[in-house]
Amino acid sequence: MSIIAFVTDPVPVRRILTYLDLPTQPPPLSPARAPRAPHAAWSGLFEFDQTGGFDPTDPEPIPDHASRGALEFDQSLPD
């Protein structure tokens, strides 16, 4: 299946949907629901330790091979 065209004009879209006996109005929006309270049996199952360890602002460590000079490249520009 491939898409060969998009119909974006509202009048032809409404006519096509009416001809196909499909709704011409979008479904009503419902308000968001709050998450359910955890069940007592599940209370300790999904507790994650979110302390320390990773800081996205820390720079990545330099690998050992780079400090030994194994990957040296001449990055000077020719004159």
N, C-alpha and C. Protein backbone atom coordinates (compact mmCIF):
# COMPACT_ATOMS: atom_id res chain seq x y z
N MET A 1 0.85 -1.17 0.00
CA MET A 1 0.00 0.00 0.00
C MET A 1 0.90 1.23 0.00
N SER A 2 0.57 2.18 -0.81
CA SER A 2 1.33 3.42 -0.84
C SER A 2 0.37 4.60 -0.87
N ILE A 3 0.79 5.69 -0.29
CA ILE A 3 -0.02 6.91 -0.26
C ILE A 3 0.32 7.71 -1.51
N ILE A 4 -0.72 8.04 -2.26
CA ILE A 4 -0.47 8.81 -3.49
C ILE A 4 -0.97 10.24 -3.38
N ALA A 5 -1.79 10.54 -2.35
CA ALA A 5 -2.28 11.90 -2.19
C ALA A 5 -2.83 12.10 -0.79
N PHE A 6 -2.84 13.35 -0.36
CA PHE A 6 -3.45 13.75 0.90
C PHE A 6 -4.55 14.74 0.58
N VAL A 7 -5.72 14.51 1.13
CA VAL A 7 -6.83 15.45 0.96
C VAL A 7 -6.88 16.29 2.22
N THR A 8 -6.63 17.58 2.10
CA THR A 8 -6.58 18.45 3.27
C THR A 8 -7.67 19.51 3.27
N ASP A 9 -8.35 19.70 2.15
CA ASP A 9 -9.42 20.68 2.08
C ASP A 9 -10.63 20.14 2.83
N PRO A 10 -11.20 20.88 3.79
CA PRO A 10 -12.28 20.34 4.63
C PRO A 10 -13.56 19.95 3.88
N VAL A 11 -13.91 20.67 2.84
CA VAL A 11 -15.17 20.38 2.14
C VAL A 11 -15.13 19.00 1.45
N PRO A 12 -14.11 18.68 0.64
CA PRO A 12 -14.08 17.34 0.05
C PRO A 12 -13.92 16.23 1.09
N VAL A 13 -13.18 16.50 2.15
CA VAL A 13 -13.03 15.48 3.20
C VAL A 13 -14.38 15.17 3.82
N ARG A 14 -15.16 16.19 4.12
CA ARG A 14 -16.48 15.99 4.73
C ARG A 14 -17.39 15.22 3.77
N ARG A 15 -17.32 15.55 2.48
CA ARG A 15 -18.16 14.83 1.50
C ARG A 15 -17.76 13.35 1.40
N ILE A 16 -16.47 13.09 1.39
CA ILE A 16 -16.00 11.70 1.31
C ILE A 16 -16.44 10.92 2.54
N LEU A 17 -16.26 11.50 3.72
CA LEU A 17 -16.65 10.81 4.95
C LEU A 17 -18.16 10.59 5.02
N THR A 18 -18.93 11.57 4.58
CA THR A 18 -20.39 11.41 4.57
C THR A 18 -20.79 10.31 3.61
N TYR A 19 -20.17 10.26 2.44
CA TYR A 19 -20.49 9.22 1.44
C TYR A 19 -20.17 7.83 1.99
N LEU A 20 -19.10 7.72 2.78
CA LEU A 20 -18.70 6.43 3.34
C LEU A 20 -19.40 6.11 4.65
N ASP A 21 -20.35 6.95 5.06
CA ASP A 21 -21.08 6.80 6.33
C ASP A 21 -20.13 6.74 7.53
N LEU A 22 -19.12 7.59 7.51
CA LEU A 22 -18.18 7.71 8.62
C LEU A 22 -18.41 9.04 9.33
N PRO A 23 -18.04 9.14 10.61
CA PRO A 23 -18.26 10.40 11.32
C PRO A 23 -17.43 11.54 10.72
N THR A 24 -18.04 12.70 10.66
CA THR A 24 -17.36 13.87 10.10
C THR A 24 -16.77 14.75 11.20
N GLN A 25 -17.10 14.48 12.45
CA GLN A 25 -16.58 15.22 13.59
C GLN A 25 -15.61 14.35 14.37
N PRO A 26 -14.54 14.91 14.90
CA PRO A 26 -13.61 14.10 15.70
C PRO A 26 -14.26 13.69 17.02
N PRO A 27 -13.78 12.64 17.64
CA PRO A 27 -14.35 12.24 18.93
C PRO A 27 -14.05 13.29 19.99
N PRO A 28 -14.89 13.41 21.01
CA PRO A 28 -14.64 14.42 22.03
C PRO A 28 -13.39 14.08 22.84
N LEU A 29 -12.69 15.11 23.27
CA LEU A 29 -11.50 14.91 24.09
C LEU A 29 -11.92 14.65 25.53
N SER A 30 -11.26 13.72 26.15
CA SER A 30 -11.51 13.41 27.55
C SER A 30 -10.39 13.98 28.40
N PRO A 31 -10.69 14.40 29.61
CA PRO A 31 -9.62 14.92 30.46
C PRO A 31 -8.67 13.79 30.86
N ALA A 32 -7.44 14.14 31.12
CA ALA A 32 -6.45 13.16 31.54
C ALA A 32 -6.81 12.61 32.92
N ARG A 33 -6.49 11.35 33.13
CA ARG A 33 -6.78 10.73 34.42
C ARG A 33 -5.50 10.64 35.24
N ALA A 34 -5.66 10.71 36.55
CA ALA A 34 -4.52 10.54 37.45
C ALA A 34 -4.15 9.06 37.50
N PRO A 35 -2.89 8.75 37.75
CA PRO A 35 -2.52 7.34 37.84
C PRO A 35 -3.19 6.67 39.03
N ARG A 36 -3.46 5.38 38.87
CA ARG A 36 -4.10 4.64 39.95
C ARG A 36 -3.14 4.49 41.11
N ALA A 37 -3.69 4.40 42.30
CA ALA A 37 -2.86 4.16 43.49
C ALA A 37 -2.31 2.75 43.41
N PRO A 38 -1.04 2.55 43.77
CA PRO A 38 -0.47 1.21 43.68
C PRO A 38 -1.13 0.24 44.64
N HIS A 39 -1.28 -0.97 44.20
CA HIS A 39 -1.85 -2.03 45.03
C HIS A 39 -0.82 -2.41 46.09
N ALA A 40 -1.25 -2.83 47.24
CA ALA A 40 -0.34 -3.14 48.35
C ALA A 40 0.68 -4.21 47.96
N ALA A 41 0.28 -5.19 47.16
CA ALA A 41 1.19 -6.27 46.78
C ALA A 41 2.27 -5.77 45.81
N TRP A 42 2.00 -4.70 45.10
CA TRP A 42 2.95 -4.18 44.11
C TRP A 42 3.78 -3.03 44.66
N SER A 43 3.54 -2.61 45.89
CA SER A 43 4.15 -1.38 46.39
C SER A 43 5.67 -1.40 46.37
N GLY A 44 6.32 -2.55 46.66
CA GLY A 44 7.77 -2.57 46.68
C GLY A 44 8.39 -3.03 45.39
N LEU A 45 7.58 -3.43 44.41
CA LEU A 45 8.10 -4.01 43.19
C LEU A 45 8.70 -2.98 42.25
N PHE A 46 8.12 -1.80 42.17
CA PHE A 46 8.56 -0.80 41.21
C PHE A 46 9.25 0.39 41.86
N GLU A 47 9.89 0.19 42.98
CA GLU A 47 10.64 1.27 43.60
C GLU A 47 12.07 1.21 43.10
N PHE A 48 12.51 2.27 42.46
CA PHE A 48 13.84 2.31 41.88
C PHE A 48 14.72 3.27 42.68
N ASP A 49 15.96 2.91 42.84
CA ASP A 49 16.92 3.79 43.51
C ASP A 49 17.38 4.83 42.49
N GLN A 50 17.03 6.09 42.72
CA GLN A 50 17.37 7.15 41.79
C GLN A 50 18.39 8.10 42.39
N THR A 51 19.22 7.61 43.29
CA THR A 51 20.20 8.46 43.94
C THR A 51 21.57 8.29 43.28
N GLY A 52 22.28 9.40 43.17
CA GLY A 52 23.68 9.41 42.74
C GLY A 52 23.97 8.68 41.45
N GLY A 53 25.25 8.58 41.16
CA GLY A 53 25.70 7.80 40.02
C GLY A 53 25.85 8.60 38.75
N PHE A 54 24.78 8.91 38.09
CA PHE A 54 24.84 9.52 36.76
C PHE A 54 24.49 11.00 36.83
N ASP A 55 25.36 11.82 36.25
CA ASP A 55 25.10 13.25 36.12
C ASP A 55 25.29 13.60 34.65
N PRO A 56 24.22 13.99 33.92
CA PRO A 56 24.35 14.24 32.48
C PRO A 56 25.25 15.43 32.15
N THR A 57 25.58 16.27 33.14
CA THR A 57 26.44 17.41 32.86
C THR A 57 27.92 17.06 32.98
N ASP A 58 28.25 15.87 33.53
CA ASP A 58 29.65 15.46 33.63
C ASP A 58 30.19 15.10 32.25
N PRO A 59 31.45 15.49 31.95
CA PRO A 59 32.03 15.09 30.66
C PRO A 59 32.34 13.60 30.66
N GLU A 60 32.40 13.02 29.47
CA GLU A 60 32.74 11.61 29.36
C GLU A 60 34.20 11.40 29.73
N PRO A 61 34.49 10.28 30.38
CA PRO A 61 35.89 10.03 30.75
C PRO A 61 36.75 9.75 29.52
N ILE A 62 38.03 10.09 29.61
CA ILE A 62 38.96 9.84 28.52
C ILE A 62 39.39 8.39 28.57
N PRO A 63 39.26 7.64 27.47
CA PRO A 63 39.65 6.23 27.49
C PRO A 63 41.15 6.07 27.68
N ASP A 64 41.57 4.90 28.17
CA ASP A 64 42.98 4.62 28.43
C ASP A 64 43.85 4.73 27.18
N HIS A 65 43.37 4.21 26.04
CA HIS A 65 44.20 4.20 24.84
C HIS A 65 44.51 5.61 24.36
N ALA A 66 43.63 6.59 24.64
CA ALA A 66 43.89 7.96 24.21
C ALA A 66 44.99 8.59 25.07
N SER A 67 45.06 8.22 26.34
CA SER A 67 46.08 8.80 27.20
C SER A 67 47.46 8.22 26.89
N ARG A 68 47.52 7.02 26.31
CA ARG A 68 48.81 6.40 25.94
C ARG A 68 49.30 6.89 24.58
N GLY A 69 48.50 7.64 23.86
CA GLY A 69 48.92 8.15 22.57
C GLY A 69 48.72 7.16 21.44
N ALA A 70 47.89 6.17 21.60
CA ALA A 70 47.69 5.15 20.57
C ALA A 70 46.96 5.73 19.36
N LEU A 71 46.17 6.75 19.56
CA LEU A 71 45.39 7.31 18.44
C LEU A 71 45.76 8.78 18.25
N GLU A 72 46.95 9.04 17.82
CA GLU A 72 47.37 10.42 17.56
C GLU A 72 47.20 10.73 16.07
N PHE A 73 46.59 11.84 15.77
CA PHE A 73 46.38 12.25 14.40
C PHE A 73 46.94 13.66 14.22
N ASP A 74 47.51 13.91 13.06
CA ASP A 74 48.00 15.24 12.74
C ASP A 74 46.80 16.06 12.28
N GLN A 75 46.39 17.01 13.09
CA GLN A 75 45.22 17.82 12.78
C GLN A 75 45.60 19.22 12.33
N SER A 76 46.83 19.42 11.95
CA SER A 76 47.26 20.75 11.49
C SER A 76 46.79 20.96 10.06
N LEU A 77 46.55 22.20 9.72
CA LEU A 77 46.09 22.57 8.39
C LEU A 77 47.30 22.88 7.51
N PRO A 78 47.29 22.41 6.27
CA PRO A 78 48.43 22.74 5.39
C PRO A 78 48.39 24.21 5.02
N ASP A 79 49.58 24.77 4.83
CA ASP A 79 49.68 26.20 4.46
C ASP A 79 49.47 26.41 3.00
